[in-house]
Amino acid sequence: MAKHVVAPVKEIAPGERKIVELEGRSIGVFNVNGEFYALRNRCPHQGGPTCEGKLTGFVTADVPGEYTYSRKGEILRCAWHG
């Protein structure tokens, strides 16, 4: 596996992203609570720019009307498909 330096750590703050070009591919690099993750910026459904989508959380409900919101900023929604 190849490793690439895309930015200084301080350039991608927690909860932020940077989209870069590597070896002809668009890649989104995300800082999730101080850990970095990379994802190809291409929706497998229609080729849209997935990494430009909204960062959200996860909603669960054990019973109607009582919701729990967790994993804030860890869920990426496709820019085209939500």
Protein backbone atom coordinates (compact mmCIF):
# COMPACT_ATOMS: atom_id res chain seq x y z
CA MET A 1 0.00 0.00 0.00
CA ALA A 2 1.36 3.39 -0.99
CA LYS A 3 1.41 6.29 1.47
CA HIS A 4 1.04 9.91 0.46
CA VAL A 5 1.47 13.17 2.35
CA VAL A 6 -1.50 15.37 1.46
CA ALA A 7 -1.34 18.13 4.09
CA PRO A 8 0.08 19.04 7.49
CA VAL A 9 -2.10 17.65 10.30
CA LYS A 10 -3.11 21.15 11.41
CA GLU A 11 -4.49 21.90 7.92
CA ILE A 12 -7.39 19.44 8.33
CA ALA A 13 -9.08 20.26 11.63
CA PRO A 14 -11.32 17.74 13.43
CA GLY A 15 -14.63 17.54 11.60
CA GLU A 16 -13.11 18.90 8.38
CA ARG A 17 -12.04 17.37 5.07
CA LYS A 18 -9.65 18.03 2.23
CA ILE A 19 -10.16 16.71 -1.28
CA VAL A 20 -6.95 15.94 -3.15
CA GLU A 21 -5.88 14.36 -6.43
CA LEU A 22 -3.67 11.27 -6.09
CA GLU A 23 -2.54 9.12 -8.97
CA GLY A 24 -5.37 10.42 -11.15
CA ARG A 25 -8.08 9.88 -8.53
CA SER A 26 -9.99 12.34 -6.40
CA ILE A 27 -9.70 11.38 -2.72
CA GLY A 28 -11.38 12.88 0.32
CA VAL A 29 -9.28 12.95 3.49
CA PHE A 30 -11.34 13.35 6.68
CA ASN A 31 -10.32 14.18 10.24
CA VAL A 32 -12.77 12.35 12.49
CA ASN A 33 -12.01 13.20 16.11
CA GLY A 34 -8.27 13.34 15.43
CA GLU A 35 -8.09 10.19 13.28
CA PHE A 36 -7.63 10.48 9.53
CA TYR A 37 -9.56 8.50 6.93
CA ALA A 38 -9.42 8.56 3.14
CA LEU A 39 -12.24 7.72 0.76
CA ARG A 40 -12.44 7.78 -3.00
CA ASN A 41 -14.48 10.78 -4.07
CA ARG A 42 -16.74 8.80 -6.38
CA CYS A 43 -20.22 7.52 -5.66
CA PRO A 44 -20.47 3.87 -6.77
CA HIS A 45 -24.08 4.52 -7.83
CA GLN A 46 -23.62 7.29 -10.43
CA GLY A 47 -20.07 8.58 -10.05
CA GLY A 48 -20.99 11.72 -8.09
CA PRO A 49 -18.58 13.58 -5.78
CA THR A 50 -19.34 11.63 -2.60
CA CYS A 51 -16.75 13.41 -0.44
CA GLU A 52 -18.40 16.79 -1.04
CA GLY A 53 -21.51 15.54 0.78
CA LYS A 54 -22.80 16.51 4.19
CA LEU A 55 -21.20 15.11 7.35
CA THR A 56 -23.93 14.11 9.78
CA GLY A 57 -24.57 11.78 12.68
CA PHE A 58 -26.66 8.72 13.33
CA VAL A 59 -30.22 8.84 14.65
CA THR A 60 -31.78 5.91 16.47
CA ALA A 61 -35.08 5.48 18.28
CA ASP A 62 -36.06 2.71 20.67
CA VAL A 63 -39.62 4.00 20.80
CA PRO A 64 -41.49 6.59 18.71
CA GLY A 65 -40.73 10.15 19.76
CA GLU A 66 -37.54 9.33 21.70
CA TYR A 67 -34.47 9.83 19.54
CA THR A 68 -30.79 9.47 20.20
CA TYR A 69 -28.25 11.30 18.03
CA SER A 70 -24.76 9.79 18.01
CA ARG A 71 -21.60 9.65 15.90
CA LYS A 72 -21.85 13.37 15.10
CA GLY A 73 -19.73 14.22 12.05
CA GLU A 74 -18.88 10.57 11.32
CA ILE A 75 -21.52 9.76 8.70
CA LEU A 76 -20.92 10.98 5.13
CA ARG A 77 -23.94 11.48 2.92
CA CYS A 78 -23.46 11.40 -0.85
CA ALA A 79 -23.57 14.89 -2.36
CA TRP A 80 -25.95 13.68 -5.07
CA HIS A 81 -28.06 11.08 -3.25
CA GLY A 82 -28.02 12.14 0.40
